[in-house]
Amino acid sequence: MIALMAHLTARLDKREELLQTLHALLEDIKVQPGCQDCLVGMHGDAALLFSVWESQTALERHLRSEQLGILLGTSGLLTEPPRFRFSDSALPEASEVIERARREAVNGGAS
């Protein structure tokens, strides 16, 4: 089991829009194969998206999904780039894994 946490610091005037976007993504993420749970919350001015995956394979499939692409596309609502963290410290840095998965998705599976 691997958890992924996204930390998104919203611009003050875009906070509600960011939360609406995350809540809209929530149900689509929850039905992805291997997703065990997905939650959205706030901590100060930061929105948190927490998802739990049954395996690294399921997580990597999610990293190539349209939903993660939408999440990454929220940058105009943020004061800084989103930060991602995996629960498994043996995994490479989350941002590196996400970038590689996005490149592979764009290139049709080629690295």
Protein backbone atom coordinates (compact mmCIF):
# COMPACT_ATOMS: atom_id res chain seq x y z
CA MET A 1 0.00 0.00 0.00
CA ILE A 2 1.34 3.43 -1.01
CA ALA A 3 -0.08 6.83 -0.15
CA LEU A 4 0.37 9.95 -2.23
CA MET A 5 -0.20 13.39 -0.75
CA ALA A 6 -0.49 16.50 -2.89
CA HIS A 7 0.00 19.83 -1.12
CA LEU A 8 -1.44 22.76 -3.10
CA THR A 9 -1.15 26.30 -1.76
CA ALA A 10 -4.01 28.28 -3.28
CA ARG A 11 -4.03 31.94 -4.16
CA LEU A 12 -6.41 33.63 -1.74
CA ASP A 13 -8.83 34.61 -4.51
CA LYS A 14 -8.74 31.10 -6.05
CA ARG A 15 -9.11 28.96 -2.92
CA GLU A 16 -12.77 28.08 -3.50
CA GLU A 17 -12.12 27.28 -7.18
CA LEU A 18 -9.25 24.97 -6.24
CA LEU A 19 -11.40 23.15 -3.67
CA GLN A 20 -14.21 22.75 -6.18
CA THR A 21 -11.75 21.28 -8.70
CA LEU A 22 -10.34 18.84 -6.14
CA HIS A 23 -13.80 17.72 -5.02
CA ALA A 24 -14.80 17.20 -8.66
CA LEU A 25 -11.72 14.99 -9.17
CA LEU A 26 -12.28 13.03 -5.97
CA GLU A 27 -14.94 10.60 -7.22
CA ASP A 28 -13.09 9.95 -10.50
CA ILE A 29 -9.91 9.13 -8.60
CA LYS A 30 -11.73 6.85 -6.13
CA VAL A 31 -12.97 4.58 -8.94
CA GLN A 32 -9.55 4.16 -10.56
CA PRO A 33 -8.27 0.58 -10.34
CA GLY A 34 -6.24 0.08 -7.19
CA CYS A 35 -7.41 3.21 -5.37
CA GLN A 36 -8.29 2.31 -1.81
CA ASP A 37 -9.27 5.80 -0.70
CA CYS A 38 -9.01 9.45 -1.64
CA LEU A 39 -9.66 12.48 0.57
CA VAL A 40 -9.52 16.26 0.22
CA GLY A 41 -8.90 18.63 3.10
CA MET A 42 -7.56 22.06 3.99
CA HIS A 43 -4.65 22.97 6.22
CA GLY A 44 -4.38 26.75 6.52
CA ASP A 45 -4.26 28.09 2.97
CA ALA A 46 -3.17 24.74 1.54
CA ALA A 47 -5.45 22.17 -0.02
CA LEU A 48 -4.40 18.57 0.55
CA LEU A 49 -5.31 15.64 -1.67
CA PHE A 50 -4.50 12.31 -0.07
CA SER A 51 -4.86 9.04 -1.96
CA VAL A 52 -4.01 5.45 -1.02
CA TRP A 53 -3.08 2.87 -3.67
CA GLU A 54 -2.95 -0.90 -3.33
CA SER A 55 0.31 -1.21 -5.30
CA GLN A 56 3.03 0.75 -7.04
CA THR A 57 1.54 -0.37 -10.37
CA ALA A 58 -1.85 1.13 -9.49
CA LEU A 59 -0.16 4.34 -8.34
CA GLU A 60 1.87 4.61 -11.54
CA ARG A 61 -1.30 4.13 -13.61
CA HIS A 62 -2.87 7.00 -11.65
CA LEU A 63 0.19 9.18 -12.33
CA ARG A 64 -0.56 8.82 -16.06
CA SER A 65 -4.28 9.54 -15.64
CA GLU A 66 -6.31 12.45 -16.91
CA GLN A 67 -7.19 13.29 -13.32
CA LEU A 68 -3.57 13.88 -12.36
CA GLY A 69 -3.15 15.97 -15.51
CA ILE A 70 -6.07 18.13 -14.39
CA LEU A 71 -4.53 18.43 -10.93
CA LEU A 72 -1.22 19.55 -12.42
CA GLY A 73 -3.17 22.02 -14.55
CA THR A 74 -4.35 23.92 -11.47
CA SER A 75 -1.04 25.83 -11.31
CA GLY A 76 -2.80 29.11 -12.21
CA LEU A 77 -4.75 28.81 -8.95
CA LEU A 78 -1.62 28.31 -6.83
CA THR A 79 0.99 30.56 -5.23
CA GLU A 80 3.70 27.92 -5.75
CA PRO A 81 4.13 24.63 -7.63
CA PRO A 82 2.27 21.67 -6.08
CA ARG A 83 4.33 19.46 -3.78
CA PHE A 84 3.88 15.70 -3.78
CA ARG A 85 5.02 13.13 -1.24
CA PHE A 86 4.87 9.33 -1.19
CA SER A 87 4.40 7.40 2.06
CA ASP A 88 7.10 4.93 1.00
CA SER A 89 10.50 6.56 1.48
CA ALA A 90 12.09 3.82 -0.66
CA LEU A 91 10.41 5.33 -3.72
CA PRO A 92 12.25 8.03 -5.67
CA GLU A 93 11.30 11.66 -5.11
CA ALA A 94 7.59 12.00 -5.93
CA SER A 95 8.06 14.91 -8.34
CA GLU A 96 10.55 12.85 -10.40
CA VAL A 97 8.18 9.88 -10.62
CA ILE A 98 5.27 12.11 -11.60
CA GLU A 99 7.29 13.91 -14.27
CA ARG A 100 8.49 10.60 -15.75
CA ALA A 101 4.94 9.18 -15.77
CA ARG A 102 3.57 12.31 -17.47
CA ARG A 103 6.33 12.18 -20.15
CA GLU A 104 5.57 8.50 -20.78
CA ALA A 105 1.84 9.24 -21.10
CA VAL A 106 2.53 11.98 -23.66
CA ASN A 107 4.96 9.76 -25.58
CA GLY A 108 2.62 6.77 -25.66
CA GLY A 109 4.48 4.70 -23.06
CA ALA A 110 8.04 5.35 -24.27
CA SER A 111 10.56 6.80 -21.79
